[in-house]
Amino acid sequence: MRFRVRKTAHVFERVGLAMAGAACGLFVGAYVGTAISHLTTQGFLLLMMLLGFVGFYLGIDTPQLPFDEAHSRIDAAEFLSSAGTLCATFTALASVAIIVLRLEPHIVWSWLALLGWVAGVAMQIVAGAKARMRK
């Protein structure tokens, strides 16, 4: 019984993280979509939210390698996960700030936000897949 409760709590936590990723994707999509007219579609917003959902579900809670003094090496999955999370959340935070403060930055910043978001969630997805394949 205790195992099922812990497993359920873990799934709830992961779904909560995934919803946070979807919300971040919505913010980035709203900012980028208002700046780049070709991306002002519901499909684009849904794609950004889906990327955030999958990225944050897979990439934030990756199983770590056991620590071994003799064979200490960089855990690529852990590094990708942390770098992707930082990149994606920073992009989302910047997008929210631009929306709330009603700023109108140069179009280059919109493309950088799109690139930063896609790169961040891609790193999370790859990290999560890599960490789960080694189990």
N, C-alpha and C. Protein backbone atom coordinates (compact mmCIF):
# COMPACT_ATOMS: atom_id res chain seq x y z
N MET A 1 0.83 -1.20 0.00
CA MET A 1 0.00 0.00 0.00
C MET A 1 0.87 1.26 0.00
N ARG A 2 1.91 1.27 0.84
CA ARG A 2 2.78 2.44 0.93
C ARG A 2 3.46 2.71 -0.41
N PHE A 3 3.86 1.64 -1.13
CA PHE A 3 4.50 1.80 -2.43
C PHE A 3 3.57 2.48 -3.42
N ARG A 4 2.30 2.09 -3.44
CA ARG A 4 1.34 2.71 -4.36
C ARG A 4 1.13 4.17 -4.04
N VAL A 5 1.09 4.51 -2.76
CA VAL A 5 0.92 5.91 -2.37
C VAL A 5 2.12 6.74 -2.82
N ARG A 6 3.33 6.20 -2.62
CA ARG A 6 4.53 6.91 -3.05
C ARG A 6 4.57 7.06 -4.56
N LYS A 7 4.19 6.01 -5.27
CA LYS A 7 4.18 6.04 -6.73
C LYS A 7 3.15 7.08 -7.22
N THR A 8 1.99 7.11 -6.61
CA THR A 8 0.95 8.08 -6.98
C THR A 8 1.42 9.50 -6.70
N ALA A 9 2.07 9.70 -5.55
CA ALA A 9 2.59 11.03 -5.22
C ALA A 9 3.63 11.47 -6.24
N HIS A 10 4.46 10.54 -6.68
CA HIS A 10 5.48 10.85 -7.68
C HIS A 10 4.84 11.23 -9.02
N VAL A 11 3.80 10.52 -9.41
CA VAL A 11 3.10 10.85 -10.66
C VAL A 11 2.44 12.22 -10.55
N PHE A 12 1.82 12.51 -9.40
CA PHE A 12 1.21 13.83 -9.19
C PHE A 12 2.27 14.93 -9.32
N GLU A 13 3.44 14.70 -8.72
CA GLU A 13 4.52 15.68 -8.79
C GLU A 13 4.95 15.91 -10.24
N ARG A 14 5.13 14.83 -10.99
CA ARG A 14 5.57 14.93 -12.38
C ARG A 14 4.52 15.61 -13.24
N VAL A 15 3.26 15.32 -13.02
CA VAL A 15 2.19 15.97 -13.79
C VAL A 15 2.13 17.46 -13.45
N GLY A 16 2.36 17.79 -12.18
CA GLY A 16 2.42 19.20 -11.79
C GLY A 16 3.56 19.93 -12.47
N LEU A 17 4.72 19.30 -12.54
CA LEU A 17 5.86 19.88 -13.25
C LEU A 17 5.54 20.03 -14.74
N ALA A 18 4.88 19.04 -15.30
CA ALA A 18 4.50 19.09 -16.71
C ALA A 18 3.53 20.24 -16.98
N MET A 19 2.59 20.45 -16.07
CA MET A 19 1.66 21.57 -16.24
C MET A 19 2.39 22.91 -16.14
N ALA A 20 3.40 23.00 -15.26
CA ALA A 20 4.21 24.21 -15.19
C ALA A 20 4.94 24.43 -16.50
N GLY A 21 5.44 23.35 -17.11
CA GLY A 21 6.09 23.45 -18.41
C GLY A 21 5.13 23.91 -19.49
N ALA A 22 3.91 23.39 -19.44
CA ALA A 22 2.90 23.82 -20.42
C ALA A 22 2.58 25.31 -20.25
N ALA A 23 2.50 25.77 -19.00
CA ALA A 23 2.25 27.19 -18.75
C ALA A 23 3.41 28.05 -19.27
N CYS A 24 4.63 27.59 -19.05
CA CYS A 24 5.79 28.31 -19.59
C CYS A 24 5.74 28.35 -21.11
N GLY A 25 5.37 27.24 -21.72
CA GLY A 25 5.24 27.20 -23.17
C GLY A 25 4.17 28.16 -23.67
N LEU A 26 3.09 28.29 -22.92
CA LEU A 26 2.03 29.22 -23.29
C LEU A 26 2.55 30.66 -23.26
N PHE A 27 3.31 31.01 -22.24
CA PHE A 27 3.85 32.37 -22.15
C PHE A 27 4.82 32.67 -23.29
N VAL A 28 5.72 31.72 -23.56
CA VAL A 28 6.67 31.93 -24.65
C VAL A 28 5.93 32.00 -25.98
N GLY A 29 4.96 31.12 -26.17
CA GLY A 29 4.18 31.12 -27.40
C GLY A 29 3.38 32.41 -27.57
N ALA A 30 2.83 32.93 -26.49
CA ALA A 30 2.06 34.18 -26.57
C ALA A 30 2.97 35.34 -26.95
N TYR A 31 4.15 35.41 -26.35
CA TYR A 31 5.07 36.49 -26.68
C TYR A 31 5.57 36.37 -28.12
N VAL A 32 6.08 35.19 -28.47
CA VAL A 32 6.64 35.00 -29.82
C VAL A 32 5.54 35.15 -30.87
N GLY A 33 4.35 34.64 -30.58
CA GLY A 33 3.25 34.73 -31.54
C GLY A 33 2.79 36.15 -31.79
N THR A 34 2.88 37.01 -30.79
CA THR A 34 2.48 38.41 -31.01
C THR A 34 3.56 39.17 -31.78
N ALA A 35 4.80 38.73 -31.67
CA ALA A 35 5.89 39.43 -32.35
C ALA A 35 6.10 38.94 -33.78
N ILE A 36 5.84 37.67 -34.03
CA ILE A 36 6.05 37.08 -35.35
C ILE A 36 4.68 36.67 -35.88
N SER A 37 4.17 37.43 -36.83
CA SER A 37 2.78 37.27 -37.26
C SER A 37 2.47 35.88 -37.82
N HIS A 38 3.43 35.22 -38.44
CA HIS A 38 3.17 33.88 -39.01
C HIS A 38 2.93 32.83 -37.92
N LEU A 39 3.33 33.13 -36.70
CA LEU A 39 3.19 32.18 -35.60
C LEU A 39 2.01 32.51 -34.69
N THR A 40 1.14 33.38 -35.12
CA THR A 40 -0.03 33.75 -34.32
C THR A 40 -1.18 32.78 -34.63
N THR A 41 -1.03 31.55 -34.16
CA THR A 41 -2.07 30.55 -34.38
C THR A 41 -2.27 29.75 -33.10
N GLN A 42 -3.43 29.14 -33.00
CA GLN A 42 -3.70 28.27 -31.85
C GLN A 42 -2.83 27.03 -31.90
N GLY A 43 -2.57 26.54 -33.11
CA GLY A 43 -1.71 25.37 -33.27
C GLY A 43 -0.31 25.62 -32.73
N PHE A 44 0.23 26.82 -32.99
CA PHE A 44 1.55 27.16 -32.48
C PHE A 44 1.55 27.19 -30.96
N LEU A 45 0.51 27.80 -30.37
CA LEU A 45 0.42 27.82 -28.90
C LEU A 45 0.32 26.41 -28.33
N LEU A 46 -0.48 25.57 -28.95
CA LEU A 46 -0.60 24.19 -28.47
C LEU A 46 0.71 23.43 -28.61
N LEU A 47 1.44 23.66 -29.70
CA LEU A 47 2.73 23.00 -29.88
C LEU A 47 3.72 23.44 -28.80
N MET A 48 3.75 24.73 -28.51
CA MET A 48 4.65 25.23 -27.47
C MET A 48 4.28 24.65 -26.11
N MET A 49 2.99 24.56 -25.84
CA MET A 49 2.55 23.98 -24.57
C MET A 49 2.88 22.49 -24.50
N LEU A 50 2.69 21.78 -25.59
CA LEU A 50 2.99 20.35 -25.63
C LEU A 50 4.49 20.10 -25.43
N LEU A 51 5.32 20.90 -26.07
CA LEU A 51 6.77 20.78 -25.87
C LEU A 51 7.13 21.00 -24.40
N GLY A 52 6.54 22.02 -23.80
CA GLY A 52 6.80 22.29 -22.38
C GLY A 52 6.33 21.17 -21.49
N PHE A 53 5.15 20.63 -21.78
CA PHE A 53 4.59 19.54 -20.99
C PHE A 53 5.52 18.33 -21.03
N VAL A 54 5.90 17.93 -22.22
CA VAL A 54 6.76 16.74 -22.37
C VAL A 54 8.15 17.00 -21.79
N GLY A 55 8.72 18.17 -22.09
CA GLY A 55 10.05 18.49 -21.60
C GLY A 55 10.14 18.51 -20.09
N PHE A 56 9.19 19.16 -19.45
CA PHE A 56 9.23 19.26 -18.00
C PHE A 56 8.84 17.94 -17.33
N TYR A 57 8.00 17.14 -17.97
CA TYR A 57 7.65 15.83 -17.42
C TYR A 57 8.86 14.90 -17.45
N LEU A 58 9.54 14.84 -18.58
CA LEU A 58 10.66 13.91 -18.73
C LEU A 58 11.96 14.45 -18.14
N GLY A 59 12.20 15.73 -18.29
CA GLY A 59 13.54 16.25 -18.05
C GLY A 59 13.86 16.75 -16.67
N ILE A 60 12.88 17.05 -15.85
CA ILE A 60 13.21 17.65 -14.56
C ILE A 60 13.57 16.61 -13.51
N ASP A 61 12.94 15.49 -13.53
CA ASP A 61 13.14 14.47 -12.49
C ASP A 61 13.85 13.25 -13.09
N THR A 62 15.09 13.43 -13.52
CA THR A 62 15.80 12.32 -14.15
C THR A 62 16.51 11.48 -13.09
N PRO A 63 16.48 10.15 -13.24
CA PRO A 63 17.23 9.30 -12.31
C PRO A 63 18.73 9.55 -12.45
N GLN A 64 19.42 9.70 -11.33
CA GLN A 64 20.85 10.00 -11.38
C GLN A 64 21.67 8.72 -11.42
N LEU A 65 22.89 8.86 -11.95
CA LEU A 65 23.83 7.75 -11.90
C LEU A 65 24.30 7.57 -10.47
N PRO A 66 24.56 6.35 -10.04
CA PRO A 66 25.14 6.17 -8.71
C PRO A 66 26.54 6.77 -8.67
N PHE A 67 26.89 7.39 -7.55
CA PHE A 67 28.20 8.04 -7.43
C PHE A 67 29.25 6.98 -7.16
N ASP A 68 30.32 7.03 -7.92
CA ASP A 68 31.42 6.09 -7.79
C ASP A 68 32.72 6.87 -7.88
N GLU A 69 33.49 6.90 -6.79
CA GLU A 69 34.74 7.67 -6.75
C GLU A 69 35.71 7.23 -7.84
N ALA A 70 35.81 5.93 -8.08
CA ALA A 70 36.79 5.42 -9.02
C ALA A 70 36.45 5.80 -10.47
N HIS A 71 35.18 5.89 -10.78
CA HIS A 71 34.76 6.18 -12.14
C HIS A 71 33.95 7.47 -12.21
N SER A 72 34.41 8.50 -11.52
CA SER A 72 33.66 9.75 -11.51
C SER A 72 33.72 10.38 -12.90
N ARG A 73 32.56 10.67 -13.42
CA ARG A 73 32.45 11.32 -14.72
C ARG A 73 31.20 12.20 -14.70
N ILE A 74 31.10 13.04 -15.68
CA ILE A 74 29.94 13.93 -15.78
C ILE A 74 28.74 13.12 -16.24
N ASP A 75 27.65 13.27 -15.55
CA ASP A 75 26.40 12.62 -15.95
C ASP A 75 25.75 13.51 -17.00
N ALA A 76 25.82 13.06 -18.27
CA ALA A 76 25.31 13.87 -19.38
C ALA A 76 23.82 14.16 -19.23
N ALA A 77 23.07 13.18 -18.77
CA ALA A 77 21.62 13.38 -18.62
C ALA A 77 21.33 14.44 -17.56
N GLU A 78 22.05 14.37 -16.46
CA GLU A 78 21.83 15.35 -15.39
C GLU A 78 22.23 16.76 -15.85
N PHE A 79 23.34 16.86 -16.57
CA PHE A 79 23.79 18.15 -17.07
C PHE A 79 22.82 18.72 -18.10
N LEU A 80 22.38 17.89 -19.05
CA LEU A 80 21.41 18.34 -20.05
C LEU A 80 20.10 18.77 -19.39
N SER A 81 19.66 18.00 -18.41
CA SER A 81 18.42 18.32 -17.71
C SER A 81 18.51 19.69 -17.03
N SER A 82 19.60 19.90 -16.31
CA SER A 82 19.72 21.18 -15.59
C SER A 82 19.90 22.35 -16.54
N ALA A 83 20.71 22.17 -17.58
CA ALA A 83 20.90 23.26 -18.55
C ALA A 83 19.61 23.54 -19.32
N GLY A 84 18.89 22.50 -19.69
CA GLY A 84 17.62 22.68 -20.40
C GLY A 84 16.57 23.36 -19.55
N THR A 85 16.51 22.96 -18.29
CA THR A 85 15.54 23.59 -17.37
C THR A 85 15.87 25.07 -17.19
N LEU A 86 17.14 25.39 -17.01
CA LEU A 86 17.54 26.79 -16.86
C LEU A 86 17.21 27.59 -18.11
N CYS A 87 17.53 27.06 -19.27
CA CYS A 87 17.30 27.76 -20.54
C CYS A 87 15.79 27.98 -20.78
N ALA A 88 15.01 26.93 -20.58
CA ALA A 88 13.56 27.03 -20.83
C ALA A 88 12.88 27.97 -19.84
N THR A 89 13.21 27.86 -18.57
CA THR A 89 12.54 28.72 -17.58
C THR A 89 13.00 30.17 -17.69
N PHE A 90 14.26 30.39 -18.03
CA PHE A 90 14.72 31.77 -18.23
C PHE A 90 13.98 32.41 -19.41
N THR A 91 13.82 31.64 -20.48
CA THR A 91 13.10 32.14 -21.65
C THR A 91 11.65 32.45 -21.30
N ALA A 92 11.03 31.57 -20.51
CA ALA A 92 9.65 31.82 -20.10
C ALA A 92 9.55 33.06 -19.21
N LEU A 93 10.48 33.20 -18.28
CA LEU A 93 10.48 34.37 -17.40
C LEU A 93 10.66 35.66 -18.20
N ALA A 94 11.58 35.65 -19.15
CA ALA A 94 11.78 36.84 -19.99
C ALA A 94 10.54 37.14 -20.81
N SER A 95 9.88 36.10 -21.32
CA SER A 95 8.66 36.31 -22.11
C SER A 95 7.55 36.91 -21.27
N VAL A 96 7.38 36.41 -20.06
CA VAL A 96 6.36 36.97 -19.16
C VAL A 96 6.67 38.42 -18.85
N ALA A 97 7.94 38.72 -18.58
CA ALA A 97 8.32 40.10 -18.27
C ALA A 97 8.01 41.03 -19.44
N ILE A 98 8.30 40.58 -20.65
CA ILE A 98 8.02 41.40 -21.83
C ILE A 98 6.52 41.63 -22.00
N ILE A 99 5.74 40.58 -21.75
CA ILE A 99 4.28 40.72 -21.88
C ILE A 99 3.72 41.65 -20.81
N VAL A 100 4.11 41.43 -19.56
CA VAL A 100 3.56 42.21 -18.44
C VAL A 100 4.00 43.67 -18.51
N LEU A 101 5.26 43.91 -18.85
CA LEU A 101 5.76 45.28 -18.90
C LEU A 101 5.43 45.98 -20.22
N ARG A 102 4.78 45.25 -21.13
CA ARG A 102 4.36 45.78 -22.43
C ARG A 102 5.53 46.38 -23.21
N LEU A 103 6.61 45.65 -23.19
CA LEU A 103 7.79 46.08 -23.93
C LEU A 103 7.65 45.66 -25.39
N GLU A 104 8.38 46.32 -26.25
CA GLU A 104 8.39 45.96 -27.67
C GLU A 104 9.84 45.85 -28.14
N PRO A 105 10.50 44.74 -27.76
CA PRO A 105 11.90 44.59 -28.16
C PRO A 105 12.02 44.29 -29.65
N HIS A 106 13.22 44.38 -30.14
CA HIS A 106 13.51 44.10 -31.55
C HIS A 106 13.10 42.66 -31.87
N ILE A 107 12.74 42.40 -33.12
CA ILE A 107 12.26 41.09 -33.55
C ILE A 107 13.30 39.99 -33.30
N VAL A 108 14.57 40.35 -33.27
CA VAL A 108 15.63 39.37 -33.01
C VAL A 108 15.42 38.71 -31.65
N TRP A 109 14.96 39.47 -30.66
CA TRP A 109 14.73 38.91 -29.33
C TRP A 109 13.60 37.88 -29.35
N SER A 110 12.63 38.08 -30.21
CA SER A 110 11.54 37.10 -30.33
C SER A 110 12.07 35.79 -30.90
N TRP A 111 12.91 35.88 -31.92
CA TRP A 111 13.50 34.66 -32.49
C TRP A 111 14.42 33.98 -31.48
N LEU A 112 15.15 34.78 -30.70
CA LEU A 112 16.01 34.20 -29.66
C LEU A 112 15.18 33.52 -28.58
N ALA A 113 14.03 34.10 -28.25
CA ALA A 113 13.15 33.46 -27.26
C ALA A 113 12.63 32.13 -27.78
N LEU A 114 12.23 32.10 -29.03
CA LEU A 114 11.77 30.85 -29.64
C LEU A 114 12.90 29.81 -29.65
N LEU A 115 14.08 30.23 -30.06
CA LEU A 115 15.22 29.32 -30.10
C LEU A 115 15.60 28.84 -28.69
N GLY A 116 15.61 29.75 -27.73
CA GLY A 116 15.94 29.38 -26.35
C GLY A 116 14.95 28.38 -25.76
N TRP A 117 13.66 28.59 -26.06
CA TRP A 117 12.64 27.68 -25.56
C TRP A 117 12.78 26.30 -26.18
N VAL A 118 12.90 26.25 -27.49
CA VAL A 118 13.01 24.96 -28.18
C VAL A 118 14.28 24.23 -27.75
N ALA A 119 15.39 24.96 -27.64
CA ALA A 119 16.64 24.33 -27.20
C ALA A 119 16.52 23.80 -25.78
N GLY A 120 15.91 24.58 -24.90
CA GLY A 120 15.77 24.16 -23.51
C GLY A 120 14.92 22.91 -23.35
N VAL A 121 13.76 22.89 -23.98
CA VAL A 121 12.90 21.71 -23.82
C VAL A 121 13.47 20.51 -24.58
N ALA A 122 14.19 20.77 -25.68
CA ALA A 122 14.83 19.66 -26.38
C ALA A 122 15.90 19.01 -25.50
N MET A 123 16.67 19.82 -24.79
CA MET A 123 17.66 19.27 -23.86
C MET A 123 16.99 18.46 -22.76
N GLN A 124 15.86 18.95 -22.25
CA GLN A 124 15.14 18.22 -21.21
C GLN A 124 14.63 16.88 -21.73
N ILE A 125 14.06 16.88 -22.91
CA ILE A 125 13.50 15.64 -23.48
C ILE A 125 14.62 14.63 -23.72
N VAL A 126 15.73 15.07 -24.29
CA VAL A 126 16.85 14.15 -24.54
C VAL A 126 17.41 13.63 -23.22
N ALA A 127 17.55 14.50 -22.24
CA ALA A 127 18.07 14.08 -20.93
C ALA A 127 17.15 13.06 -20.27
N GLY A 128 15.85 13.32 -20.32
CA GLY A 128 14.91 12.38 -19.71
C GLY A 128 14.91 11.03 -20.40
N ALA A 129 14.98 11.06 -21.73
CA ALA A 129 15.01 9.79 -22.48
C ALA A 129 16.30 9.04 -22.20
N LYS A 130 17.43 9.75 -22.18
CA LYS A 130 18.72 9.11 -21.92
C LYS A 130 18.78 8.51 -20.51
N ALA A 131 18.30 9.23 -19.54
CA ALA A 131 18.33 8.73 -18.16
C ALA A 131 17.43 7.51 -17.98
N ARG A 132 16.32 7.48 -18.67
CA ARG A 132 15.40 6.35 -18.52
C ARG A 132 15.86 5.11 -19.31
N MET A 133 16.65 5.31 -20.34
CA MET A 133 17.15 4.18 -21.13
C MET A 133 18.23 3.40 -20.38
N ARG A 134 18.92 4.04 -19.44
CA ARG A 134 20.01 3.37 -18.74
C ARG A 134 19.54 2.62 -17.51
N LYS A 135 18.27 2.67 -17.18
CA LYS A 135 17.74 1.98 -15.99
C LYS A 135 17.92 0.50 -16.07
